[in-house]
Amino acid sequence: MRNNKGFTLLEVLVAIAIFAMLSLAAYQILQGVLRSGEISKEHSNALTELQRAMLIIDQDFSQITYRLSRDENVEEEELQVMSAGESLFESDDQGIEFTRLGWTNPFDLLPRSELLRVRYRLKEGQLQRLYFLYPDLQVGDEPQEQVLLNDVETLSFRFWDGSWQDSWTSTDSLPDGIEISFTTKKYSEIRRVFIISADSGS
């Protein structure tokens, strides 16, 4: 009778070693693919967040209108069309406040106008948009808070009035243009300039 020969111990160990190396290589490739997918998803989400934030910013700044907004803490003669400066509205950098048109109110069904009072500030690494239901503030009115972006490091504004100015002190006029600039950990500096329509003036 013919004797059946099996694998030797050395052959089995070599086969196990080869299989282990192939498995390790396949695992590393799989991990790389999964990590690449995660990075791609994170980048896509961050880009979507940035696009959404810039859309909101564009809608606000491109519809700035001339309006003296009332504030319970401000005298009649001190009313301003727009406020901007360092540390305004508890901002960690610069802040700005203005009134914009175009807040949709179909057929005037809601108990408010189409004017919206808006603030922008940097708070604890967040680019925040604050808005009020009514352009004239009453005692106790609190803004609605909306976080546009996270991991924001700086926020600044410049104003065009024949030349660029780092601050806007006029209480009864709007600049011809506004530049908003902010830096983030992911995208570094982002800068956008808005032309203020002549129809927005007094």
Protein backbone atom coordinates (compact mmCIF):
# COMPACT_ATOMS: atom_id res chain seq x y z
CA MET A 1 0.00 0.00 0.00
CA ARG A 2 1.15 3.55 -0.82
CA ASN A 3 1.99 5.71 2.16
CA ASN A 4 0.22 9.11 2.22
CA LYS A 5 2.62 11.94 3.04
CA GLY A 6 1.34 15.06 4.86
CA PHE A 7 2.86 18.52 5.19
CA THR A 8 5.89 18.86 7.36
CA LEU A 9 5.82 21.22 10.33
CA LEU A 10 8.17 23.61 8.54
CA GLU A 11 5.89 23.79 5.50
CA VAL A 12 2.89 24.51 7.73
CA LEU A 13 4.77 27.29 9.57
CA VAL A 14 5.89 28.86 6.27
CA ALA A 15 2.32 28.76 4.94
CA ILE A 16 0.98 30.35 8.13
CA ALA A 17 3.64 33.07 7.96
CA ILE A 18 2.80 33.86 4.31
CA PHE A 19 -0.93 33.94 5.06
CA ALA A 20 -0.32 36.23 8.06
CA MET A 21 1.72 38.68 5.94
CA LEU A 22 -0.94 38.72 3.22
CA SER A 23 -3.67 39.31 5.83
CA LEU A 24 -1.66 42.14 7.41
CA ALA A 25 -1.10 43.77 4.03
CA ALA A 26 -4.79 43.47 3.16
CA TYR A 27 -5.76 44.94 6.57
CA GLN A 28 -3.43 47.92 6.10
CA ILE A 29 -4.85 48.55 2.63
CA LEU A 30 -8.38 48.37 4.01
CA GLN A 31 -7.50 50.74 6.85
CA GLY A 32 -5.98 53.16 4.35
CA VAL A 33 -9.10 53.09 2.21
CA LEU A 34 -11.35 53.62 5.24
CA ARG A 35 -9.20 56.47 6.57
CA SER A 36 -9.10 58.07 3.15
CA GLY A 37 -12.90 57.86 3.03
CA GLU A 38 -13.18 59.48 6.47
CA ILE A 39 -10.84 62.32 5.50
CA SER A 40 -12.77 62.86 2.28
CA LYS A 41 -16.05 62.93 4.19
CA GLU A 42 -14.68 65.36 6.80
CA HIS A 43 -13.38 67.66 4.06
CA SER A 44 -16.70 67.49 2.23
CA ASN A 45 -18.64 68.31 5.41
CA ALA A 46 -16.30 71.21 6.23
CA LEU A 47 -16.63 72.58 2.70
CA THR A 48 -20.42 72.30 2.86
CA GLU A 49 -20.40 74.15 6.21
CA LEU A 50 -18.22 76.90 4.74
CA GLN A 51 -20.41 77.26 1.64
CA ARG A 52 -23.52 77.46 3.81
CA ALA A 53 -21.90 80.12 6.03
CA MET A 54 -20.79 82.19 3.05
CA LEU A 55 -24.28 82.00 1.55
CA ILE A 56 -25.81 83.39 4.75
CA ILE A 57 -23.13 86.09 4.98
CA ASP A 58 -23.75 87.03 1.35
CA GLN A 59 -27.50 87.29 1.91
CA ASP A 60 -27.02 89.53 4.94
CA PHE A 61 -24.33 91.90 3.69
CA SER A 62 -25.70 92.27 0.17
CA GLN A 63 -29.07 93.43 1.57
CA ILE A 64 -27.90 95.97 4.13
CA THR A 65 -30.31 98.87 4.29
CA TYR A 66 -30.24 102.36 5.79
CA ARG A 67 -32.29 102.30 8.97
CA LEU A 68 -31.83 103.87 12.37
CA SER A 69 -32.63 101.01 14.74
CA ARG A 70 -33.88 101.75 18.21
CA ASP A 71 -32.30 100.30 21.32
CA GLU A 72 -33.66 100.57 24.85
CA ASN A 73 -30.19 101.62 26.07
CA VAL A 74 -29.56 104.31 23.44
CA GLU A 75 -30.90 107.86 23.34
CA GLU A 76 -32.77 109.07 20.24
CA GLU A 77 -29.90 111.30 19.11
CA GLU A 78 -27.41 108.41 19.46
CA LEU A 79 -29.16 105.97 17.12
CA GLN A 80 -26.88 104.46 14.49
CA VAL A 81 -27.38 102.95 11.06
CA MET A 82 -24.57 100.48 11.66
CA SER A 83 -22.28 99.66 14.56
CA ALA A 84 -18.84 98.09 14.15
CA GLY A 85 -15.73 97.86 16.28
CA GLU A 86 -13.52 95.91 18.64
CA SER A 87 -15.19 93.72 21.28
CA LEU A 88 -18.70 94.82 20.32
CA PHE A 89 -21.47 92.48 21.48
CA GLU A 90 -18.98 90.53 23.63
CA SER A 91 -16.98 89.55 20.56
CA ASP A 92 -13.49 88.15 21.09
CA ASP A 93 -12.41 90.22 18.08
CA GLN A 94 -14.42 92.71 16.05
CA GLY A 95 -18.20 92.76 15.88
CA ILE A 96 -20.76 94.39 13.60
CA GLU A 97 -24.49 95.12 13.66
CA PHE A 98 -26.79 96.35 10.88
CA THR A 99 -30.30 96.02 9.48
CA ARG A 100 -31.00 94.10 6.29
CA LEU A 101 -33.93 93.72 3.96
CA GLY A 102 -35.42 90.58 2.49
CA TRP A 103 -36.38 88.54 5.54
CA THR A 104 -39.15 86.55 3.92
CA ASN A 105 -42.61 87.06 5.40
CA PRO A 106 -45.07 85.67 2.82
CA PHE A 107 -48.25 87.75 2.59
CA ASP A 108 -47.34 89.36 5.95
CA LEU A 109 -48.64 86.29 7.74
CA LEU A 110 -46.08 86.55 10.56
CA PRO A 111 -46.26 89.31 13.18
CA ARG A 112 -43.06 90.99 12.00
CA SER A 113 -41.67 93.00 9.11
CA GLU A 114 -39.22 91.90 6.42
CA LEU A 115 -36.44 93.84 8.16
CA LEU A 116 -33.90 91.87 10.16
CA ARG A 117 -31.43 93.23 12.69
CA VAL A 118 -28.24 91.19 12.48
CA ARG A 119 -25.01 90.94 14.47
CA TYR A 120 -21.79 89.11 13.74
CA ARG A 121 -19.21 88.27 16.35
CA LEU A 122 -16.40 85.85 17.21
CA LYS A 123 -17.07 83.96 20.42
CA GLU A 124 -15.03 81.04 21.79
CA GLY A 125 -13.76 80.06 18.37
CA GLN A 126 -17.19 80.32 16.73
CA LEU A 127 -18.29 82.73 14.03
CA GLN A 128 -21.72 83.57 15.38
CA ARG A 129 -24.66 85.28 13.72
CA LEU A 130 -27.19 86.84 16.07
CA TYR A 131 -30.50 88.20 14.89
CA PHE A 132 -33.57 89.76 16.45
CA LEU A 133 -37.18 89.15 15.51
CA TYR A 134 -37.78 92.91 15.47
CA PRO A 135 -35.38 95.64 14.28
CA ASP A 136 -36.24 97.91 17.23
CA LEU A 137 -35.18 96.33 20.51
CA GLN A 138 -37.37 96.33 23.56
CA VAL A 139 -36.38 95.64 27.14
CA GLY A 140 -35.62 91.97 27.57
CA ASP A 141 -35.26 91.17 23.87
CA GLU A 142 -32.73 88.39 23.36
CA PRO A 143 -31.19 87.53 19.98
CA GLN A 144 -31.45 84.18 18.25
CA GLU A 145 -27.97 82.68 18.03
CA GLN A 146 -26.68 80.81 15.00
CA VAL A 147 -23.20 79.26 14.75
CA LEU A 148 -21.92 79.60 11.20
CA LEU A 149 -18.40 78.19 11.58
CA ASN A 150 -16.20 76.58 14.21
CA ASP A 151 -12.44 76.83 14.74
CA VAL A 152 -12.40 80.49 13.73
CA GLU A 153 -9.38 82.42 15.01
CA THR A 154 -9.91 86.05 13.91
CA LEU A 155 -12.74 88.25 12.60
CA SER A 156 -12.33 91.74 11.16
CA PHE A 157 -14.08 94.26 8.94
CA ARG A 158 -12.98 97.11 6.69
CA PHE A 159 -15.09 99.83 5.14
CA TRP A 160 -14.77 101.57 1.76
CA ASP A 161 -15.47 105.28 1.60
CA GLY A 162 -13.08 106.44 -1.11
CA SER A 163 -10.38 104.43 0.65
CA TRP A 164 -10.33 101.49 3.02
CA GLN A 165 -10.93 102.28 6.68
CA ASP A 166 -10.44 99.92 9.60
CA SER A 167 -13.40 101.35 11.50
CA TRP A 168 -16.73 103.01 10.74
CA THR A 169 -17.74 105.87 12.99
CA SER A 170 -20.49 107.55 10.98
CA THR A 171 -23.83 107.27 12.74
CA ASP A 172 -26.04 108.37 9.84
CA SER A 173 -24.54 106.83 6.71
CA LEU A 174 -23.38 103.53 5.28
CA PRO A 175 -20.05 102.84 3.57
CA ASP A 176 -19.90 102.11 -0.15
CA GLY A 177 -18.44 98.70 0.55
CA ILE A 178 -17.67 96.31 3.40
CA GLU A 179 -14.96 93.70 3.59
CA ILE A 180 -15.32 90.79 5.98
CA SER A 181 -12.22 88.75 6.75
CA PHE A 182 -11.77 85.79 9.04
CA THR A 183 -9.21 83.05 9.54
CA THR A 184 -9.89 79.43 10.36
CA LYS A 185 -7.63 76.55 11.34
CA LYS A 186 -8.64 74.62 8.24
CA TYR A 187 -8.81 77.26 5.50
CA SER A 188 -6.51 80.01 6.79
CA GLU A 189 -7.77 83.48 5.70
CA ILE A 190 -11.07 83.99 3.91
CA ARG A 191 -11.92 87.43 2.61
CA ARG A 192 -15.06 88.74 0.93
CA VAL A 193 -16.00 92.23 -0.26
CA PHE A 194 -19.59 93.47 -0.61
CA ILE A 195 -20.71 96.56 -2.48
CA ILE A 196 -23.42 98.49 -0.65
CA SER A 197 -26.15 99.51 -3.06
CA ALA A 198 -26.84 103.20 -3.49
CA ASP A 199 -30.48 102.42 -2.71
CA SER A 200 -29.34 101.48 0.80
CA GLY A 201 -28.36 105.07 1.60
CA SER A 202 -30.48 107.63 3.35
